[in-house]
Amino acid sequence: MPIYEYISEHPEDAGRSCPVCRKGFELRRPADRAPLERCLLCKNPVRKRISRINIPEITRPLSVSDAKKAGFTLLEKRDDGVYEKL
């Protein structure tokens, strides 16, 4: 089940939203359900926030030995349609 992030449509207006939706919250919901439209606590409008995705940062290209340690099989092209295992 995916996790969605929601935030108040009026985060700068403290009178219109509760502390939970003003700061933003996460909610696990089935993918086939419609997005949440109102805060579960204060019933004020909320919108779905685009989440940051966690992508590992590769600082250098992988070497042949790194790829082999990770379990990859490395092939090098020798002729047309012929590959040799490294």
PDB file of N, CA and C in Angstrom:
ATOM      1  N   MET A   1       0.849  -1.170   0.000  1.00  0.00           N
ATOM      2  CA  MET A   1       0.000   0.000   0.000  1.00  0.00           C
ATOM      3  C   MET A   1       0.899   1.240   0.000  1.00  0.00           C
ATOM      4  N   PRO A   2       0.704   2.158  -0.948  1.00  0.00           N
ATOM      5  CA  PRO A   2       1.564   3.342  -1.037  1.00  0.00           C
ATOM      6  C   PRO A   2       1.323   4.329   0.102  1.00  0.00           C
ATOM      7  N   ILE A   3       2.330   5.136   0.334  1.00  0.00           N
ATOM      8  CA  ILE A   3       2.239   6.199   1.335  1.00  0.00           C
ATOM      9  C   ILE A   3       2.136   7.519   0.585  1.00  0.00           C
ATOM     10  N   TYR A   4       1.104   8.292   0.913  1.00  0.00           N
ATOM     11  CA  TYR A   4       0.895   9.592   0.292  1.00  0.00           C
ATOM     12  C   TYR A   4       1.129  10.690   1.325  1.00  0.00           C
ATOM     13  N   GLU A   5       1.615  11.834   0.862  1.00  0.00           N
ATOM     14  CA  GLU A   5       1.826  12.985   1.732  1.00  0.00           C
ATOM     15  C   GLU A   5       0.792  14.049   1.407  1.00  0.00           C
ATOM     16  N   TYR A   6       0.234  14.632   2.454  1.00  0.00           N
ATOM     17  CA  TYR A   6      -0.766  15.681   2.304  1.00  0.00           C
ATOM     18  C   TYR A   6      -0.352  16.890   3.130  1.00  0.00           C
ATOM     19  N   ILE A   7      -0.767  18.085   2.686  1.00  0.00           N
ATOM     20  CA  ILE A   7      -0.509  19.324   3.414  1.00  0.00           C
ATOM     21  C   ILE A   7      -1.719  20.234   3.230  1.00  0.00           C
ATOM     22  N   SER A   8      -1.934  21.111   4.174  1.00  0.00           N
ATOM     23  CA  SER A   8      -3.061  22.035   4.124  1.00  0.00           C
ATOM     24  C   SER A   8      -2.948  22.931   2.893  1.00  0.00           C
ATOM     25  N   GLU A   9      -4.094  23.285   2.337  1.00  0.00           N
ATOM     26  CA  GLU A   9      -4.085  24.227   1.218  1.00  0.00           C
ATOM     27  C   GLU A   9      -3.768  25.635   1.685  1.00  0.00           C
ATOM     28  N   HIS A  10      -3.855  25.876   3.001  1.00  0.00           N
ATOM     29  CA  HIS A  10      -3.573  27.188   3.577  1.00  0.00           C
ATOM     30  C   HIS A  10      -2.588  27.038   4.738  1.00  0.00           C
ATOM     31  N   PRO A  11      -1.345  26.579   4.487  1.00  0.00           N
ATOM     32  CA  PRO A  11      -0.413  26.348   5.597  1.00  0.00           C
ATOM     33  C   PRO A  11       0.023  27.620   6.309  1.00  0.00           C
ATOM     34  N   GLU A  12      -0.050  28.764   5.632  1.00  0.00           N
ATOM     35  CA  GLU A  12       0.384  30.015   6.252  1.00  0.00           C
ATOM     36  C   GLU A  12      -0.687  30.603   7.172  1.00  0.00           C
ATOM     37  N   ASP A  13      -1.934  30.169   7.015  1.00  0.00           N
ATOM     38  CA  ASP A  13      -3.040  30.692   7.817  1.00  0.00           C
ATOM     39  C   ASP A  13      -3.318  29.735   8.977  1.00  0.00           C
ATOM     40  N   ALA A  14      -2.794  30.061  10.163  1.00  0.00           N
ATOM     41  CA  ALA A  14      -2.905  29.174  11.322  1.00  0.00           C
ATOM     42  C   ALA A  14      -4.348  29.002  11.782  1.00  0.00           C
ATOM     43  N   GLY A  15      -5.216  29.943  11.497  1.00  0.00           N
ATOM     44  CA  GLY A  15      -6.599  29.847  11.925  1.00  0.00           C
ATOM     45  C   GLY A  15      -7.431  28.879  11.100  1.00  0.00           C
ATOM     46  N   ARG A  16      -6.975  28.567   9.901  1.00  0.00           N
ATOM     47  CA  ARG A  16      -7.766  27.726   9.004  1.00  0.00           C
ATOM     48  C   ARG A  16      -7.341  26.268   9.019  1.00  0.00           C
ATOM     49  N   SER A  17      -6.218  25.947   9.651  1.00  0.00           N
ATOM     50  CA  SER A  17      -5.750  24.565   9.625  1.00  0.00           C
ATOM     51  C   SER A  17      -5.204  24.169  10.993  1.00  0.00           C
ATOM     52  N   CYS A  18      -5.244  22.868  11.255  1.00  0.00           N
ATOM     53  CA  CYS A  18      -4.721  22.361  12.532  1.00  0.00           C
ATOM     54  C   CYS A  18      -3.209  22.159  12.410  1.00  0.00           C
ATOM     55  N   PRO A  19      -2.503  21.958  13.516  1.00  0.00           N
ATOM     56  CA  PRO A  19      -1.045  21.762  13.455  1.00  0.00           C
ATOM     57  C   PRO A  19      -0.628  20.561  12.617  1.00  0.00           C
ATOM     58  N   VAL A  20      -1.477  19.548  12.543  1.00  0.00           N
ATOM     59  CA  VAL A  20      -1.133  18.342  11.786  1.00  0.00           C
ATOM     60  C   VAL A  20      -1.096  18.627  10.287  1.00  0.00           C
ATOM     61  N   CYS A  21      -2.163  19.193   9.752  1.00  0.00           N
ATOM     62  CA  CYS A  21      -2.183  19.419   8.300  1.00  0.00           C
ATOM     63  C   CYS A  21      -1.372  20.652   7.900  1.00  0.00           C
ATOM     64  N   ARG A  22      -1.153  21.572   8.822  1.00  0.00           N
ATOM     65  CA  ARG A  22      -0.315  22.737   8.522  1.00  0.00           C
ATOM     66  C   ARG A  22       1.118  22.298   8.261  1.00  0.00           C
ATOM     67  N   LYS A  23       1.593  21.347   9.078  1.00  0.00           N
ATOM     68  CA  LYS A  23       2.960  20.840   8.924  1.00  0.00           C
ATOM     69  C   LYS A  23       3.047  19.788   7.824  1.00  0.00           C
ATOM     70  N   GLY A  24       1.956  19.093   7.578  1.00  0.00           N
ATOM     71  CA  GLY A  24       1.920  18.016   6.588  1.00  0.00           C
ATOM     72  C   GLY A  24       1.930  16.672   7.283  1.00  0.00           C
ATOM     73  N   PHE A  25       1.316  15.683   6.647  1.00  0.00           N
ATOM     74  CA  PHE A  25       1.256  14.349   7.227  1.00  0.00           C
ATOM     75  C   PHE A  25       1.285  13.297   6.134  1.00  0.00           C
ATOM     76  N   GLU A  26       1.646  12.068   6.526  1.00  0.00           N
ATOM     77  CA  GLU A  26       1.685  10.937   5.614  1.00  0.00           C
ATOM     78  C   GLU A  26       0.515  10.022   5.929  1.00  0.00           C
ATOM     79  N   LEU A  27       0.003   9.361   4.897  1.00  0.00           N
ATOM     80  CA  LEU A  27      -1.134   8.481   5.075  1.00  0.00           C
ATOM     81  C   LEU A  27      -1.006   7.310   4.113  1.00  0.00           C
ATOM     82  N   ARG A  28      -1.159   6.108   4.655  1.00  0.00           N
ATOM     83  CA  ARG A  28      -1.165   4.909   3.803  1.00  0.00           C
ATOM     84  C   ARG A  28      -2.583   4.698   3.288  1.00  0.00           C
ATOM     85  N   ARG A  29      -2.708   4.663   1.960  1.00  0.00           N
ATOM     86  CA  ARG A  29      -4.013   4.461   1.336  1.00  0.00           C
ATOM     87  C   ARG A  29      -3.862   3.532   0.151  1.00  0.00           C
ATOM     88  N   PRO A  30      -4.882   2.721  -0.135  1.00  0.00           N
ATOM     89  CA  PRO A  30      -4.830   1.899  -1.342  1.00  0.00           C
ATOM     90  C   PRO A  30      -4.715   2.778  -2.583  1.00  0.00           C
ATOM     91  N   ALA A  31      -4.027   2.289  -3.582  1.00  0.00           N
ATOM     92  CA  ALA A  31      -3.794   3.066  -4.801  1.00  0.00           C
ATOM     93  C   ALA A  31      -5.080   3.326  -5.573  1.00  0.00           C
ATOM     94  N   ASP A  32      -6.091   2.476  -5.408  1.00  0.00           N
ATOM     95  CA  ASP A  32      -7.321   2.657  -6.174  1.00  0.00           C
ATOM     96  C   ASP A  32      -8.299   3.648  -5.529  1.00  0.00           C
ATOM     97  N   ARG A  33      -7.986   4.167  -4.358  1.00  0.00           N
ATOM     98  CA  ARG A  33      -8.850   5.158  -3.706  1.00  0.00           C
ATOM     99  C   ARG A  33      -8.552   6.560  -4.220  1.00  0.00           C
ATOM    100  N   ALA A  34      -9.556   7.400  -4.187  1.00  0.00           N
ATOM    101  CA  ALA A  34      -9.381   8.795  -4.606  1.00  0.00           C
ATOM    102  C   ALA A  34      -8.514   9.525  -3.584  1.00  0.00           C
ATOM    103  N   PRO A  35      -7.786  10.566  -3.996  1.00  0.00           N
ATOM    104  CA  PRO A  35      -6.964  11.316  -3.047  1.00  0.00           C
ATOM    105  C   PRO A  35      -7.815  11.948  -1.945  1.00  0.00           C
ATOM    106  N   LEU A  36      -7.216  12.073  -0.785  1.00  0.00           N
ATOM    107  CA  LEU A  36      -7.882  12.698   0.353  1.00  0.00           C
ATOM    108  C   LEU A  36      -8.128  14.171   0.029  1.00  0.00           C
ATOM    109  N   GLU A  37      -9.298  14.691   0.367  1.00  0.00           N
ATOM    110  CA  GLU A  37      -9.621  16.083   0.069  1.00  0.00           C
ATOM    111  C   GLU A  37      -9.674  16.952   1.318  1.00  0.00           C
ATOM    112  N   ARG A  38      -9.913  16.348   2.475  1.00  0.00           N
ATOM    113  CA  ARG A  38     -10.037  17.103   3.723  1.00  0.00           C
ATOM    114  C   ARG A  38      -9.192  16.456   4.805  1.00  0.00           C
ATOM    115  N   CYS A  39      -8.680  17.281   5.715  1.00  0.00           N
ATOM    116  CA  CYS A  39      -7.900  16.804   6.855  1.00  0.00           C
ATOM    117  C   CYS A  39      -8.785  15.912   7.718  1.00  0.00           C
ATOM    118  N   LEU A  40      -8.209  14.842   8.235  1.00  0.00           N
ATOM    119  CA  LEU A  40      -8.971  13.917   9.057  1.00  0.00           C
ATOM    120  C   LEU A  40      -9.358  14.513  10.403  1.00  0.00           C
ATOM    121  N   LEU A  41      -8.599  15.505  10.890  1.00  0.00           N
ATOM    122  CA  LEU A  41      -8.880  16.096  12.198  1.00  0.00           C
ATOM    123  C   LEU A  41      -9.740  17.354  12.113  1.00  0.00           C
ATOM    124  N   CYS A  42      -9.302  18.338  11.319  1.00  0.00           N
ATOM    125  CA  CYS A  42      -9.992  19.633  11.307  1.00  0.00           C
ATOM    126  C   CYS A  42     -10.944  19.805  10.126  1.00  0.00           C
ATOM    127  N   LYS A  43     -10.947  18.881   9.181  1.00  0.00           N
ATOM    128  CA  LYS A  43     -11.860  18.888   8.015  1.00  0.00           C
ATOM    129  C   LYS A  43     -11.619  20.045   7.054  1.00  0.00           C
ATOM    130  N   ASN A  44     -10.461  20.695   7.146  1.00  0.00           N
ATOM    131  CA  ASN A  44     -10.119  21.741   6.184  1.00  0.00           C
ATOM    132  C   ASN A  44      -9.492  21.119   4.943  1.00  0.00           C
ATOM    133  N   PRO A  45      -9.537  21.808   3.798  1.00  0.00           N
ATOM    134  CA  PRO A  45      -9.020  21.235   2.553  1.00  0.00           C
ATOM    135  C   PRO A  45      -7.513  20.958   2.624  1.00  0.00           C
ATOM    136  N   VAL A  46      -7.119  19.818   2.075  1.00  0.00           N
ATOM    137  CA  VAL A  46      -5.705  19.452   1.957  1.00  0.00           C
ATOM    138  C   VAL A  46      -5.433  19.076   0.507  1.00  0.00           C
ATOM    139  N   ARG A  47      -4.164  19.118   0.142  1.00  0.00           N
ATOM    140  CA  ARG A  47      -3.769  18.697  -1.203  1.00  0.00           C
ATOM    141  C   ARG A  47      -2.646  17.696  -1.089  1.00  0.00           C
ATOM    142  N   LYS A  48      -2.543  16.844  -2.097  1.00  0.00           N
ATOM    143  CA  LYS A  48      -1.498  15.842  -2.106  1.00  0.00           C
ATOM    144  C   LYS A  48      -0.182  16.516  -2.469  1.00  0.00           C
ATOM    145  N   ARG A  49       0.857  16.215  -1.701  1.00  0.00           N
ATOM    146  CA  ARG A  49       2.168  16.807  -1.926  1.00  0.00           C
ATOM    147  C   ARG A  49       3.027  15.798  -2.678  1.00  0.00           C
ATOM    148  N   ILE A  50       3.818  16.275  -3.607  1.00  0.00           N
ATOM    149  CA  ILE A  50       4.727  15.406  -4.338  1.00  0.00           C
ATOM    150  C   ILE A  50       5.888  15.073  -3.424  1.00  0.00           C
ATOM    151  N   SER A  51       6.106  13.784  -3.216  1.00  0.00           N
ATOM    152  CA  SER A  51       7.141  13.324  -2.297  1.00  0.00           C
ATOM    153  C   SER A  51       8.499  13.303  -2.973  1.00  0.00           C
ATOM    154  N   ARG A  52       9.517  13.470  -2.161  1.00  0.00           N
ATOM    155  CA  ARG A  52      10.874  13.287  -2.662  1.00  0.00           C
ATOM    156  C   ARG A  52      11.129  11.796  -2.737  1.00  0.00           C
ATOM    157  N   ILE A  53      11.842  11.373  -3.736  1.00  0.00           N
ATOM    158  CA  ILE A  53      12.174   9.962  -3.840  1.00  0.00           C
ATOM    159  C   ILE A  53      13.612   9.760  -3.413  1.00  0.00           C
ATOM    160  N   ASN A  54      13.862   8.624  -2.844  1.00  0.00           N
ATOM    161  CA  ASN A  54      15.188   8.309  -2.348  1.00  0.00           C
ATOM    162  C   ASN A  54      15.969   7.587  -3.434  1.00  0.00           C
ATOM    163  N   ILE A  55      16.899   8.303  -4.053  1.00  0.00           N
ATOM    164  CA  ILE A  55      17.739   7.737  -5.099  1.00  0.00           C
ATOM    165  C   ILE A  55      19.169   7.729  -4.578  1.00  0.00           C
ATOM    166  N   PRO A  56      19.794   6.559  -4.553  1.00  0.00           N
ATOM    167  CA  PRO A  56      21.173   6.548  -4.068  1.00  0.00           C
ATOM    168  C   PRO A  56      22.075   7.372  -4.974  1.00  0.00           C
ATOM    169  N   GLU A  57      22.975   8.087  -4.361  1.00  0.00           N
ATOM    170  CA  GLU A  57      23.870   8.955  -5.114  1.00  0.00           C
ATOM    171  C   GLU A  57      25.153   8.184  -5.426  1.00  0.00           C
ATOM    172  N   ILE A  58      25.453   8.053  -6.697  1.00  0.00           N
ATOM    173  CA  ILE A  58      26.674   7.365  -7.115  1.00  0.00           C
ATOM    174  C   ILE A  58      27.705   8.443  -7.404  1.00  0.00           C
ATOM    175  N   THR A  59      28.789   8.422  -6.658  1.00  0.00           N
ATOM    176  CA  THR A  59      29.784   9.481  -6.795  1.00  0.00           C
ATOM    177  C   THR A  59      30.847   9.156  -7.839  1.00  0.00           C
ATOM    178  N   ARG A  60      30.975   7.887  -8.172  1.00  0.00           N
ATOM    179  CA  ARG A  60      31.958   7.504  -9.186  1.00  0.00           C
ATOM    180  C   ARG A  60      31.396   6.350 -10.018  1.00  0.00           C
ATOM    181  N   PRO A  61      31.869   6.172 -11.236  1.00  0.00           N
ATOM    182  CA  PRO A  61      31.377   5.059 -12.043  1.00  0.00           C
ATOM    183  C   PRO A  61      31.767   3.720 -11.417  1.00  0.00           C
ATOM    184  N   LEU A  62      30.918   2.723 -11.603  1.00  0.00           N
ATOM    185  CA  LEU A  62      31.220   1.401 -11.073  1.00  0.00           C
ATOM    186  C   LEU A  62      32.354   0.758 -11.868  1.00  0.00           C
ATOM    187  N   SER A  63      33.273   0.144 -11.157  1.00  0.00           N
ATOM    188  CA  SER A  63      34.363  -0.568 -11.827  1.00  0.00           C
ATOM    189  C   SER A  63      33.924  -2.007 -12.085  1.00  0.00           C
ATOM    190  N   VAL A  64      34.743  -2.729 -12.838  1.00  0.00           N
ATOM    191  CA  VAL A  64      34.454  -4.129 -13.138  1.00  0.00           C
ATOM    192  C   VAL A  64      34.401  -4.942 -11.850  1.00  0.00           C
ATOM    193  N   SER A  65      35.331  -4.707 -10.933  1.00  0.00           N
ATOM    194  CA  SER A  65      35.348  -5.467  -9.688  1.00  0.00           C
ATOM    195  C   SER A  65      34.130  -5.134  -8.818  1.00  0.00           C
ATOM    196  N   ASP A  66      33.692  -3.850  -8.804  1.00  0.00           N
ATOM    197  CA  ASP A  66      32.498  -3.479  -8.052  1.00  0.00           C
ATOM    198  C   ASP A  66      31.261  -4.184  -8.611  1.00  0.00           C
ATOM    199  N   ALA A  67      31.147  -4.236  -9.931  1.00  0.00           N
ATOM    200  CA  ALA A  67      30.000  -4.883 -10.560  1.00  0.00           C
ATOM    201  C   ALA A  67      29.994  -6.381 -10.261  1.00  0.00           C
ATOM    202  N   LYS A  68      31.161  -7.019 -10.289  1.00  0.00           N
ATOM    203  CA  LYS A  68      31.235  -8.452  -9.981  1.00  0.00           C
ATOM    204  C   LYS A  68      30.880  -8.718  -8.529  1.00  0.00           C
ATOM    205  N   LYS A  69      31.335  -7.840  -7.614  1.00  0.00           N
ATOM    206  CA  LYS A  69      30.992  -7.996  -6.196  1.00  0.00           C
ATOM    207  C   LYS A  69      29.488  -7.865  -5.972  1.00  0.00           C
ATOM    208  N   ALA A  70      28.828  -7.035  -6.794  1.00  0.00           N
ATOM    209  CA  ALA A  70      27.393  -6.842  -6.675  1.00  0.00           C
ATOM    210  C   ALA A  70      26.599  -7.977  -7.307  1.00  0.00           C
ATOM    211  N   GLY A  71      27.276  -8.915  -7.966  1.00  0.00           N
ATOM    212  CA  GLY A  71      26.614 -10.088  -8.527  1.00  0.00           C
ATOM    213  C   GLY A  71      26.274  -9.993 -10.000  1.00  0.00           C
ATOM    214  N   PHE A  72      26.775  -8.981 -10.700  1.00  0.00           N
ATOM    215  CA  PHE A  72      26.491  -8.843 -12.120  1.00  0.00           C
ATOM    216  C   PHE A  72      27.469  -9.681 -12.932  1.00  0.00           C
ATOM    217  N   THR A  73      26.993 -10.195 -14.063  1.00  0.00           N
ATOM    218  CA  THR A  73      27.855 -10.873 -15.020  1.00  0.00           C
ATOM    219  C   THR A  73      28.230  -9.856 -16.081  1.00  0.00           C
ATOM    220  N   LEU A  74      29.516  -9.674 -16.304  1.00  0.00           N
ATOM    221  CA  LEU A  74      29.988  -8.685 -17.263  1.00  0.00           C
ATOM    222  C   LEU A  74      30.391  -9.362 -18.558  1.00  0.00           C
ATOM    223  N   LEU A  75      29.920  -8.791 -19.652  1.00  0.00           N
ATOM    224  CA  LEU A  75      30.231  -9.315 -20.972  1.00  0.00           C
ATOM    225  C   LEU A  75      30.885  -8.208 -21.781  1.00  0.00           C
ATOM    226  N   GLU A  76      31.847  -8.611 -22.623  1.00  0.00           N
ATOM    227  CA  GLU A  76      32.505  -7.649 -23.504  1.00  0.00           C
ATOM    228  C   GLU A  76      32.331  -8.117 -24.934  1.00  0.00           C
ATOM    229  N   LYS A  77      31.942  -7.210 -25.817  1.00  0.00           N
ATOM    230  CA  LYS A  77      31.692  -7.563 -27.210  1.00  0.00           C
ATOM    231  C   LYS A  77      33.012  -7.799 -27.927  1.00  0.00           C
ATOM    232  N   ARG A  78      33.152  -8.966 -28.550  1.00  0.00           N
ATOM    233  CA  ARG A  78      34.373  -9.301 -29.297  1.00  0.00           C
ATOM    234  C   ARG A  78      34.152  -9.166 -30.801  1.00  0.00           C
ATOM    235  N   ASP A  79      33.138  -9.800 -31.328  1.00  0.00           N
ATOM    236  CA  ASP A  79      32.808  -9.739 -32.757  1.00  0.00           C
ATOM    237  C   ASP A  79      31.315  -9.445 -32.877  1.00  0.00           C
ATOM    238  N   ASP A  80      30.852  -9.458 -34.106  1.00  0.00           N
ATOM    239  CA  ASP A  80      29.444  -9.208 -34.346  1.00  0.00           C
ATOM    240  C   ASP A  80      28.608 -10.345 -33.751  1.00  0.00           C
ATOM    241  N   GLY A  81      27.907 -10.057 -32.641  1.00  0.00           N
ATOM    242  CA  GLY A  81      27.071 -11.064 -31.992  1.00  0.00           C
ATOM    243  C   GLY A  81      27.814 -12.007 -31.063  1.00  0.00           C
ATOM    244  N   VAL A  82      29.131 -11.773 -30.842  1.00  0.00           N
ATOM    245  CA  VAL A  82      29.914 -12.640 -29.975  1.00  0.00           C
ATOM    246  C   VAL A  82      30.356 -11.834 -28.765  1.00  0.00           C
ATOM    247  N   TYR A  83      30.040 -12.347 -27.573  1.00  0.00           N
ATOM    248  CA  TYR A  83      30.418 -11.697 -26.331  1.00  0.00           C
ATOM    249  C   TYR A  83      31.250 -12.641 -25.500  1.00  0.00           C
ATOM    250  N   GLU A  84      32.206 -12.073 -24.783  1.00  0.00           N
ATOM    251  CA  GLU A  84      33.081 -12.863 -23.909  1.00  0.00           C
ATOM    252  C   GLU A  84      32.845 -12.437 -22.472  1.00  0.00           C
ATOM    253  N   LYS A  85      32.744 -13.447 -21.598  1.00  0.00           N
ATOM    254  CA  LYS A  85      32.525 -13.175 -20.178  1.00  0.00           C
ATOM    255  C   LYS A  85      33.811 -12.672 -19.551  1.00  0.00           C
ATOM    256  N   LEU A  86      33.739 -11.599 -18.782  1.00  0.00           N
ATOM    257  CA  LEU A  86      34.935 -11.058 -18.117  1.00  0.00           C
ATOM    258  C   LEU A  86      35.152 -11.730 -16.784  1.00  0.00           C
TER     259      LEU A  86
END
